[in-house]
Amino acid sequence: MSLDLHSFVTSTRWTDLPPAVQEMARRCLLDLIGTAAAGRQTELSRIISIHATRMFGASDPAFAARILFDGRRASLAGAALAGGMTIDSFDAHDGHVLTKGHAGVAILPALLAMADRAEAAMSGPDFLTSLVIGYEVAIRAGIAQHRTCCDYHTSGAWNALGAVAVAARALGLDAAGLAEALGIAEYHGPRSQMMRCIDFPTMVKDGSGWGAMTGVDAAYLAAEGFTGAPALVCDAPEVADLWADLGQGWRILELYFKPYPVCRWAQPAVEAGLSLIRAHHPDPAAIETIEVETFDAAVRLDQACPTTTEQAQYSLPFPLAVATVHGTLPPGAITAEGLRDPVVQEMSTRVRLRTAPEIEAKFPAQRFARVTYVLRDGTRYTSDTMPARGDAESPLSDAEILAKFCDLTESLSDDRRAAIRREVAALADRPDVGALLELVLTNPADARQRS
């Protein structure tokens, strides 16, 4: 590892960041908080939060932090684990096409844990800068891993290194300590096979909770003198180009933001279907089949009639059926109530998936789909070949990001939602992050009971 990486992690300041990067940090933070609020309503989040307090508790209060939107305390690693899995439980968080995964889902929980320590004194600008640093390290590690490993691992395998970066910065690790921490995290990160979760969707999901936990743990182990294998995603000669532009090129600007809380691979088909609805207004009852041509990984999202939110999030037929029946895909569609919609469930059985070679050839840098509605009278409506909305080349507007946040945070009071928005917008001027932590690390139900 070069000293340049250490300098970037420990010495970068808010004023060093270009205005576009500063604005992206605020956007990422608001979007992740919104996703966490929605995720807090899932059974996955309920289970992991209880588990973290029981199995990852901290006997020393100096090494404890509150769990995201929960308020109970666990160890720093336990709080990061629960927070990462809570965000991951609701598939609406940002991602990066070349990593085929997600960075912020692990970075924010690790950062919140480090900021909530008893001895922590983190300013708003430092919090936002640390978030950017975590993204920059994690995204590069993810691209590097895909370049150097033959298997497709979950995001936790590489976003753990971004969690290391924010924890190492908070702890003030020296260059040797950071190198060891990155090596520990790469070695211990969850090298779980992503396509197994695609084929059999369950609560294991994208491994990001374990990535957040592993990264925090690795930084503390390194601080105590624990040694790790070299982090090849940072040190291997064949990935040196990915790290050469630290502080000059900003990978965070390449993120996409999801308009819908389902796997990104399903969203081009959703957009294609919605384009046909807007153009032709077909009666859903008149549709005999829905033909989808897309890339092979999206074809693997073949869960029709899902019975769990995990199956719904890793399905292409179901969200496309929701969009076809209702003309939209709201967050509530993947909740237990939404899954009981019999019209949507039946429509999802009419979807037929096929790999299109010319679309497959562009994956993962580009993700497209083409949809055809075949009506019972033989009429065929075929869409253009369409991408998902929200890519870096065609980002969601500020109004769309805000509307998404409001949709995702329906479980919060209007006052709390407004306070979160204000605090995120003003965080760069805050001498400390205490107000933000109170808003996102306490249980909304407790606040309602007190009021």
Protein backbone atom coordinates (compact mmCIF):
# COMPACT_ATOMS: atom_id res chain seq x y z
CA MET A 1 0.00 0.00 0.00
CA SER A 2 1.36 3.41 -0.93
CA LEU A 3 1.51 6.25 1.55
CA ASP A 4 -0.80 8.13 -0.82
CA LEU A 5 -3.75 6.01 0.29
CA HIS A 6 -2.97 6.64 3.95
CA SER A 7 -2.64 10.36 3.31
CA PHE A 8 -5.94 10.38 1.47
CA VAL A 9 -7.73 8.55 4.29
CA THR A 10 -6.30 10.56 7.17
CA SER A 11 -5.56 13.99 5.74
CA THR A 12 -8.39 14.82 3.33
CA ARG A 13 -10.55 17.69 4.56
CA TRP A 14 -14.00 18.97 3.59
CA THR A 15 -12.49 21.96 1.82
CA ASP A 16 -10.42 19.59 -0.35
CA LEU A 17 -13.58 18.16 -1.90
CA PRO A 18 -14.99 19.68 -5.10
CA PRO A 19 -18.47 21.19 -4.74
CA ALA A 20 -20.03 18.36 -6.78
CA VAL A 21 -18.52 15.80 -4.38
CA GLN A 22 -19.72 17.75 -1.36
CA GLU A 23 -23.24 17.82 -2.76
CA MET A 24 -23.09 14.11 -3.56
CA ALA A 25 -22.13 13.37 0.05
CA ARG A 26 -25.30 15.11 1.26
CA ARG A 27 -27.38 13.27 -1.34
CA CYS A 28 -25.94 9.90 -0.34
CA LEU A 29 -26.49 10.58 3.33
CA LEU A 30 -30.14 11.57 2.92
CA ASP A 31 -30.86 8.62 0.63
CA LEU A 32 -29.22 6.11 2.98
CA ILE A 33 -31.08 7.47 6.00
CA GLY A 34 -34.37 7.18 4.12
CA THR A 35 -33.60 3.61 3.13
CA ALA A 36 -32.68 2.77 6.73
CA ALA A 37 -35.99 4.16 7.97
CA ALA A 38 -37.86 1.92 5.54
CA GLY A 39 -35.62 -1.04 6.33
CA ARG A 40 -36.32 -0.63 10.02
CA GLN A 41 -39.87 -1.87 9.33
CA THR A 42 -38.66 -5.25 7.99
CA GLU A 43 -38.49 -8.53 9.84
CA LEU A 44 -34.83 -8.81 8.86
CA SER A 45 -34.01 -5.59 10.71
CA ARG A 46 -35.99 -6.62 13.78
CA ILE A 47 -34.12 -9.92 14.01
CA ILE A 48 -30.63 -8.52 13.43
CA SER A 49 -31.10 -5.66 15.90
CA ILE A 50 -32.08 -8.07 18.67
CA HIS A 51 -29.23 -10.37 17.64
CA ALA A 52 -26.68 -7.55 17.79
CA THR A 53 -27.65 -6.61 21.34
CA ARG A 54 -27.51 -10.23 22.47
CA MET A 55 -24.48 -11.58 20.62
CA PHE A 56 -22.43 -8.42 19.93
CA GLY A 57 -22.89 -6.47 23.13
CA ALA A 58 -20.10 -4.35 24.63
CA SER A 59 -19.00 -4.77 28.23
CA ASP A 60 -17.04 -1.49 28.01
CA PRO A 61 -19.25 1.55 27.28
CA ALA A 62 -16.32 3.18 25.49
CA PHE A 63 -16.70 0.59 22.74
CA ALA A 64 -20.48 0.79 22.39
CA ALA A 65 -22.77 2.62 19.98
CA ARG A 66 -26.48 2.87 19.32
CA ILE A 67 -28.15 0.83 16.59
CA LEU A 68 -29.60 2.69 13.62
CA PHE A 69 -33.22 3.82 14.27
CA ASP A 70 -33.30 1.51 17.29
CA GLY A 71 -31.61 3.23 20.22
CA ARG A 72 -30.31 0.11 21.95
CA ARG A 73 -26.56 -0.23 22.33
CA ALA A 74 -24.27 -2.90 20.99
CA SER A 75 -20.54 -3.05 20.43
CA LEU A 76 -19.24 -0.77 17.70
CA ALA A 77 -18.97 -3.77 15.39
CA GLY A 78 -22.43 -4.98 16.42
CA ALA A 79 -24.03 -1.60 15.76
CA ALA A 80 -22.35 -1.50 12.33
CA LEU A 81 -23.60 -5.02 11.59
CA ALA A 82 -27.20 -4.21 12.50
CA GLY A 83 -27.16 -0.89 10.65
CA GLY A 84 -25.71 -2.39 7.50
CA MET A 85 -28.25 -5.19 7.42
CA THR A 86 -31.11 -2.77 8.14
CA ILE A 87 -30.22 -0.65 5.11
CA ASP A 88 -29.61 -3.78 3.03
CA SER A 89 -33.01 -5.17 4.03
CA PHE A 90 -34.76 -2.58 1.85
CA ASP A 91 -33.17 -2.60 -1.58
CA ALA A 92 -33.38 1.13 -2.29
CA HIS A 93 -29.80 2.26 -1.58
CA ASP A 94 -27.26 3.66 -4.02
CA GLY A 95 -24.91 1.51 -6.07
CA HIS A 96 -22.09 1.53 -8.60
CA VAL A 97 -22.27 -0.31 -11.91
CA LEU A 98 -18.65 -1.54 -12.09
CA THR A 99 -18.72 -2.94 -8.57
CA LYS A 100 -22.05 -4.66 -9.32
CA GLY A 101 -22.96 -3.71 -5.76
CA HIS A 102 -23.24 -1.13 -3.01
CA ALA A 103 -20.79 0.89 -0.90
CA GLY A 104 -22.77 3.31 1.26
CA VAL A 105 -24.83 0.56 2.88
CA ALA A 106 -21.73 -0.44 4.88
CA ILE A 107 -19.95 2.91 5.04
CA LEU A 108 -22.70 4.86 6.83
CA PRO A 109 -23.33 2.31 9.64
CA ALA A 110 -19.60 2.01 10.30
CA LEU A 111 -19.27 5.79 10.37
CA LEU A 112 -22.28 6.22 12.65
CA ALA A 113 -20.80 3.69 15.08
CA MET A 114 -17.47 5.53 15.15
CA ALA A 115 -19.21 8.88 15.61
CA ASP A 116 -21.38 7.59 18.47
CA ARG A 117 -18.50 6.31 20.61
CA ALA A 118 -18.22 7.73 24.10
CA GLU A 119 -14.89 9.40 23.31
CA ALA A 120 -15.80 10.53 19.80
CA ALA A 121 -15.81 14.22 18.89
CA MET A 122 -16.66 14.37 15.20
CA SER A 123 -17.63 17.56 13.42
CA GLY A 124 -20.18 17.75 10.63
CA PRO A 125 -17.58 18.47 7.93
CA ASP A 126 -15.42 15.56 9.14
CA PHE A 127 -18.43 13.23 9.13
CA LEU A 128 -19.28 14.09 5.53
CA THR A 129 -15.63 13.90 4.47
CA SER A 130 -15.28 10.49 6.10
CA LEU A 131 -18.36 9.31 4.21
CA VAL A 132 -16.76 10.35 0.90
CA ILE A 133 -13.46 8.68 1.82
CA GLY A 134 -15.29 5.46 2.62
CA TYR A 135 -17.02 5.50 -0.76
CA GLU A 136 -13.81 6.22 -2.65
CA VAL A 137 -11.94 3.34 -1.01
CA ALA A 138 -14.84 0.88 -1.20
CA ILE A 139 -15.68 1.52 -4.85
CA ARG A 140 -12.07 1.10 -5.94
CA ALA A 141 -11.78 -2.08 -3.88
CA GLY A 142 -14.94 -3.42 -5.50
CA ILE A 143 -13.78 -2.76 -9.03
CA ALA A 144 -10.40 -4.27 -8.16
CA GLN A 145 -11.98 -7.41 -6.76
CA HIS A 146 -14.01 -8.00 -9.90
CA ARG A 147 -10.85 -7.51 -11.94
CA THR A 148 -8.79 -9.99 -9.89
CA CYS A 149 -11.27 -12.65 -8.66
CA CYS A 150 -13.05 -15.21 -10.78
CA ASP A 151 -16.15 -15.42 -8.56
CA TYR A 152 -18.83 -12.75 -8.06
CA HIS A 153 -18.83 -11.96 -4.35
CA THR A 154 -21.36 -9.96 -2.36
CA SER A 155 -20.67 -6.30 -1.64
CA GLY A 156 -19.56 -7.07 1.91
CA ALA A 157 -16.40 -8.64 0.49
CA TRP A 158 -15.13 -5.24 -0.62
CA ASN A 159 -17.20 -2.54 1.11
CA ALA A 160 -15.53 -3.80 4.29
CA LEU A 161 -12.43 -1.91 3.13
CA GLY A 162 -14.42 1.32 2.95
CA ALA A 163 -15.58 0.69 6.51
CA VAL A 164 -11.91 0.25 7.46
CA ALA A 165 -11.14 3.65 5.96
CA VAL A 166 -13.71 5.53 8.07
CA ALA A 167 -12.76 3.64 11.23
CA ALA A 168 -9.01 4.06 10.64
CA ARG A 169 -9.50 7.80 10.07
CA ALA A 170 -11.44 8.12 13.33
CA LEU A 171 -8.78 6.15 15.23
CA GLY A 172 -5.86 7.97 13.63
CA LEU A 173 -4.11 4.79 12.45
CA ASP A 174 -0.67 5.27 10.95
CA ALA A 175 0.21 4.00 7.47
CA ALA A 176 1.33 0.59 8.75
CA GLY A 177 -1.81 0.22 10.85
CA LEU A 178 -4.07 1.11 7.92
CA ALA A 179 -2.27 -1.43 5.72
CA GLU A 180 -2.81 -4.16 8.31
CA ALA A 181 -6.46 -3.19 8.78
CA LEU A 182 -7.17 -3.31 5.06
CA GLY A 183 -5.48 -6.68 4.85
CA ILE A 184 -7.49 -8.04 7.77
CA ALA A 185 -10.74 -6.81 6.25
CA GLU A 186 -10.00 -8.21 2.81
CA TYR A 187 -9.07 -11.58 4.31
CA HIS A 188 -12.02 -11.80 6.73
CA GLY A 189 -14.60 -10.06 4.53
CA PRO A 190 -17.64 -12.16 3.57
CA ARG A 191 -16.62 -13.80 0.32
CA SER A 192 -20.17 -15.03 -0.18
CA GLN A 193 -21.41 -15.93 -3.65
CA MET A 194 -23.87 -13.27 -4.79
CA MET A 195 -25.71 -15.34 -7.35
CA ARG A 196 -26.75 -17.86 -4.69
CA CYS A 197 -28.83 -15.12 -3.10
CA ILE A 198 -30.21 -14.17 -6.51
CA ASP A 199 -31.27 -17.76 -7.16
CA PHE A 200 -32.51 -18.37 -3.60
CA PRO A 201 -33.48 -14.99 -2.07
CA THR A 202 -33.33 -14.98 1.72
CA MET A 203 -32.22 -12.64 4.48
CA VAL A 204 -28.50 -13.24 3.82
CA LYS A 205 -28.73 -10.71 0.99
CA ASP A 206 -25.63 -8.74 -0.07
CA GLY A 207 -23.32 -9.36 2.90
CA SER A 208 -23.00 -5.64 3.64
CA GLY A 209 -23.81 -5.85 7.33
CA TRP A 210 -20.94 -8.27 7.75
CA GLY A 211 -18.78 -5.96 5.63
CA ALA A 212 -19.49 -3.03 7.96
CA MET A 213 -18.79 -5.16 11.03
CA THR A 214 -15.62 -6.66 9.55
CA GLY A 215 -14.25 -3.23 8.64
CA VAL A 216 -14.76 -1.78 12.11
CA ASP A 217 -13.32 -4.89 13.72
CA ALA A 218 -10.31 -4.86 11.40
CA ALA A 219 -9.41 -1.27 12.30
CA TYR A 220 -9.52 -2.01 16.02
CA LEU A 221 -7.55 -5.25 15.61
CA ALA A 222 -4.86 -3.39 13.69
CA ALA A 223 -4.75 -0.71 16.38
CA GLU A 224 -3.96 -3.46 18.89
CA GLY A 225 -1.16 -4.85 16.74
CA PHE A 226 -3.04 -7.64 14.94
CA THR A 227 -1.54 -8.27 11.52
CA GLY A 228 -3.25 -9.10 8.24
CA ALA A 229 -2.41 -10.47 4.82
CA PRO A 230 -1.68 -7.77 2.21
CA ALA A 231 -4.86 -6.35 0.69
CA LEU A 232 -4.43 -7.40 -2.92
CA VAL A 233 -7.31 -5.21 -4.08
CA CYS A 234 -5.14 -2.27 -2.99
CA ASP A 235 -1.62 -3.58 -3.60
CA ALA A 236 -1.72 -5.87 -6.65
CA PRO A 237 0.12 -4.36 -9.65
CA GLU A 238 -2.82 -5.04 -11.95
CA VAL A 239 -5.07 -2.67 -9.96
CA ALA A 240 -2.56 0.14 -9.39
CA ASP A 241 -4.36 2.37 -11.89
CA LEU A 242 -7.50 2.32 -9.75
CA TRP A 243 -5.69 3.97 -6.85
CA ALA A 244 -3.49 6.39 -8.80
CA ASP A 245 -6.09 9.19 -8.93
CA LEU A 246 -7.12 9.34 -5.26
CA GLY A 247 -8.07 12.89 -4.43
CA GLN A 248 -8.29 13.82 -8.10
CA GLY A 249 -10.84 11.46 -9.65
CA TRP A 250 -14.04 10.96 -7.66
CA ARG A 251 -15.75 7.60 -8.03
CA ILE A 252 -18.60 8.73 -5.79
CA LEU A 253 -19.83 10.82 -8.74
CA GLU A 254 -20.40 7.57 -10.67
CA LEU A 255 -23.10 6.31 -8.31
CA TYR A 256 -26.64 5.50 -9.34
CA PHE A 257 -29.69 6.12 -7.16
CA LYS A 258 -32.64 3.78 -7.30
CA PRO A 259 -36.14 5.14 -7.82
CA TYR A 260 -37.57 1.78 -6.69
CA PRO A 261 -36.77 -0.56 -3.75
CA VAL A 262 -35.86 -3.64 -5.79
CA CYS A 263 -32.72 -5.07 -7.38
CA ARG A 264 -31.17 -2.66 -9.85
CA TRP A 265 -31.12 -5.38 -12.48
CA ALA A 266 -34.93 -5.45 -12.54
CA GLN A 267 -35.32 -1.72 -12.97
CA PRO A 268 -34.61 -1.37 -16.71
CA ALA A 269 -37.56 -3.71 -17.35
CA VAL A 270 -39.74 -1.68 -14.98
CA GLU A 271 -38.87 1.51 -16.86
CA ALA A 272 -39.57 -0.19 -20.20
CA GLY A 273 -42.94 -1.42 -18.95
CA LEU A 274 -43.88 2.01 -17.59
CA SER A 275 -42.99 3.61 -20.93
CA LEU A 276 -45.52 1.33 -22.65
CA ILE A 277 -48.18 2.13 -20.07
CA ARG A 278 -47.68 5.86 -20.62
CA ALA A 279 -47.74 5.48 -24.40
CA HIS A 280 -50.56 2.94 -24.88
CA HIS A 281 -52.56 2.69 -21.62
CA PRO A 282 -53.25 -1.04 -21.99
CA ASP A 283 -55.89 -2.61 -19.78
CA PRO A 284 -53.96 -4.98 -17.48
CA ALA A 285 -56.74 -7.56 -17.83
CA ALA A 286 -56.16 -7.58 -21.61
CA ILE A 287 -52.47 -8.52 -21.30
CA GLU A 288 -51.81 -12.18 -22.06
CA THR A 289 -48.04 -12.26 -21.60
CA ILE A 290 -45.22 -9.82 -20.88
CA GLU A 291 -42.00 -10.61 -22.74
CA VAL A 292 -38.75 -9.24 -21.31
CA GLU A 293 -35.43 -9.23 -23.13
CA THR A 294 -32.49 -8.26 -20.96
CA PHE A 295 -29.07 -9.38 -19.67
CA ASP A 296 -28.48 -12.82 -18.19
CA ALA A 297 -28.09 -11.77 -14.55
CA ALA A 298 -31.49 -10.07 -14.70
CA VAL A 299 -33.03 -13.19 -16.21
CA ARG A 300 -31.90 -14.98 -13.04
CA LEU A 301 -34.33 -12.73 -11.11
CA ASP A 302 -37.11 -15.13 -11.98
CA GLN A 303 -39.09 -15.10 -8.71
CA ALA A 304 -42.78 -14.95 -9.61
CA CYS A 305 -45.42 -14.80 -6.86
CA PRO A 306 -42.96 -13.93 -4.07
CA THR A 307 -44.01 -14.67 -0.52
CA THR A 308 -41.30 -12.64 1.30
CA THR A 309 -39.92 -9.15 0.88
CA GLU A 310 -36.51 -10.69 0.06
CA GLN A 311 -38.01 -12.66 -2.81
CA ALA A 312 -39.86 -9.55 -4.03
CA GLN A 313 -36.68 -7.47 -4.02
CA TYR A 314 -34.78 -10.09 -6.03
CA SER A 315 -37.58 -10.56 -8.54
CA LEU A 316 -38.07 -9.09 -11.99
CA PRO A 317 -41.59 -10.42 -12.73
CA PHE A 318 -43.09 -9.06 -9.51
CA PRO A 319 -42.03 -5.37 -9.69
CA LEU A 320 -42.82 -5.33 -13.40
CA ALA A 321 -46.27 -6.73 -12.58
CA VAL A 322 -46.78 -4.04 -9.92
CA ALA A 323 -45.85 -1.34 -12.42
CA THR A 324 -48.11 -2.88 -15.06
CA VAL A 325 -51.15 -3.12 -12.77
CA HIS A 326 -50.74 0.14 -10.85
CA GLY A 327 -48.66 2.33 -13.17
CA THR A 328 -46.08 2.88 -10.42
CA LEU A 329 -43.84 0.94 -8.03
CA PRO A 330 -44.13 2.41 -4.51
CA PRO A 331 -42.15 1.18 -1.48
CA GLY A 332 -45.25 -0.45 -0.01
CA ALA A 333 -45.41 -2.88 -2.94
CA ILE A 334 -42.72 -5.10 -1.41
CA THR A 335 -44.14 -5.13 2.11
CA ALA A 336 -46.24 -7.98 3.47
CA GLU A 337 -49.42 -6.15 2.54
CA GLY A 338 -48.23 -5.46 -1.00
CA LEU A 339 -47.28 -9.08 -1.54
CA ARG A 340 -50.88 -10.12 -0.89
CA ASP A 341 -52.21 -8.26 -3.96
CA PRO A 342 -53.80 -11.12 -5.97
CA VAL A 343 -53.97 -9.16 -9.23
CA VAL A 344 -50.26 -8.37 -9.10
CA GLN A 345 -49.34 -11.92 -8.11
CA GLU A 346 -51.30 -13.33 -11.05
CA MET A 347 -49.81 -10.79 -13.44
CA SER A 348 -46.30 -11.81 -12.36
CA THR A 349 -46.96 -15.34 -13.68
CA ARG A 350 -47.46 -13.91 -17.17
CA VAL A 351 -43.91 -12.53 -17.39
CA ARG A 352 -41.45 -14.38 -19.66
CA LEU A 353 -37.71 -13.63 -19.37
CA ARG A 354 -35.12 -14.07 -22.12
CA THR A 355 -31.44 -13.12 -22.48
CA ALA A 356 -30.77 -10.79 -25.39
CA PRO A 357 -27.16 -11.25 -26.61
CA GLU A 358 -26.67 -7.61 -27.62
CA ILE A 359 -27.86 -6.47 -24.17
CA GLU A 360 -25.79 -9.10 -22.35
CA ALA A 361 -22.65 -7.89 -24.17
CA LYS A 362 -22.97 -4.47 -22.50
CA PHE A 363 -23.30 -5.75 -18.91
CA PRO A 364 -22.22 -4.69 -16.27
CA ALA A 365 -21.20 -1.23 -17.46
CA GLN A 366 -24.64 -0.80 -19.02
CA ARG A 367 -27.91 -2.50 -18.04
CA PHE A 368 -30.81 -2.49 -20.50
CA ALA A 369 -34.13 -4.22 -21.04
CA ARG A 370 -36.83 -4.34 -23.69
CA VAL A 371 -40.44 -5.22 -22.85
CA THR A 372 -43.30 -6.39 -25.05
CA TYR A 373 -46.92 -6.50 -23.89
CA VAL A 374 -48.79 -9.18 -25.85
CA LEU A 375 -52.52 -8.58 -25.63
CA ARG A 376 -55.17 -11.28 -25.83
CA ASP A 377 -56.32 -9.98 -29.23
CA GLY A 378 -52.80 -10.41 -30.64
CA THR A 379 -51.74 -6.76 -30.40
CA ARG A 380 -48.08 -6.31 -29.45
CA TYR A 381 -46.60 -3.21 -27.84
CA THR A 382 -42.77 -3.21 -27.70
CA SER A 383 -40.72 -0.64 -25.82
CA ASP A 384 -37.41 0.88 -26.74
CA THR A 385 -34.33 -0.76 -25.25
CA MET A 386 -34.16 1.14 -22.00
CA PRO A 387 -31.83 1.64 -19.01
CA ALA A 388 -32.86 2.14 -15.42
CA ARG A 389 -33.43 5.68 -14.21
CA GLY A 390 -30.97 7.31 -11.86
CA ASP A 391 -27.63 6.41 -13.41
CA ALA A 392 -24.80 8.93 -13.19
CA GLU A 393 -25.40 9.83 -16.84
CA SER A 394 -29.08 10.63 -16.16
CA PRO A 395 -29.33 11.23 -12.40
CA LEU A 396 -32.49 11.59 -10.41
CA SER A 397 -33.33 15.23 -9.79
CA ASP A 398 -33.18 16.79 -6.36
CA ALA A 399 -36.97 16.76 -6.32
CA GLU A 400 -37.02 13.03 -7.09
CA ILE A 401 -34.49 12.28 -4.35
CA LEU A 402 -36.54 14.27 -1.88
CA ALA A 403 -39.80 12.60 -2.94
CA LYS A 404 -38.13 9.21 -2.53
CA PHE A 405 -36.93 10.15 0.96
CA CYS A 406 -40.44 11.18 1.93
CA ASP A 407 -41.87 7.91 0.59
CA LEU A 408 -39.28 5.84 2.45
CA THR A 409 -39.74 7.66 5.76
CA GLU A 410 -43.52 7.40 6.10
CA SER A 411 -42.98 5.63 9.43
CA LEU A 412 -41.38 8.79 10.87
CA SER A 413 -43.24 11.83 12.12
CA ASP A 414 -43.35 14.90 9.89
CA ASP A 415 -41.26 16.80 12.43
CA ARG A 416 -38.56 14.14 12.47
CA ARG A 417 -38.42 13.91 8.70
CA ALA A 418 -38.10 17.67 8.40
CA ALA A 419 -35.41 17.75 11.09
CA ILE A 420 -33.36 15.08 9.31
CA ARG A 421 -33.55 17.01 6.05
CA ARG A 422 -32.46 20.23 7.76
CA GLU A 423 -29.61 18.55 9.60
CA VAL A 424 -28.24 16.84 6.51
CA ALA A 425 -28.40 20.08 4.54
CA ALA A 426 -26.59 22.03 7.28
CA LEU A 427 -24.16 19.33 8.42
CA ALA A 428 -21.12 20.95 6.82
CA ASP A 429 -21.62 23.92 9.17
CA ARG A 430 -22.15 21.90 12.35
CA PRO A 431 -19.33 21.79 14.95
CA ASP A 432 -20.51 18.31 15.96
CA VAL A 433 -22.88 15.63 14.70
CA GLY A 434 -24.81 15.16 17.94
CA ALA A 435 -28.12 16.42 16.56
CA LEU A 436 -27.95 14.10 13.55
CA LEU A 437 -27.08 11.13 15.74
CA GLU A 438 -30.09 11.79 17.96
CA LEU A 439 -32.34 11.82 14.92
CA VAL A 440 -31.09 8.58 13.35
CA LEU A 441 -29.87 6.50 16.30
CA THR A 442 -32.98 6.66 18.47
CA ASN A 443 -36.15 4.63 18.08
CA PRO A 444 -38.98 6.67 16.52
CA ALA A 445 -41.51 4.67 18.53
CA ASP A 446 -39.84 5.76 21.78
CA ALA A 447 -40.07 9.40 20.71
CA ARG A 448 -43.80 9.05 19.99
CA GLN A 449 -44.38 7.44 23.38
CA ARG A 450 -42.64 10.34 25.16
CA SER A 451 -44.62 13.00 23.27
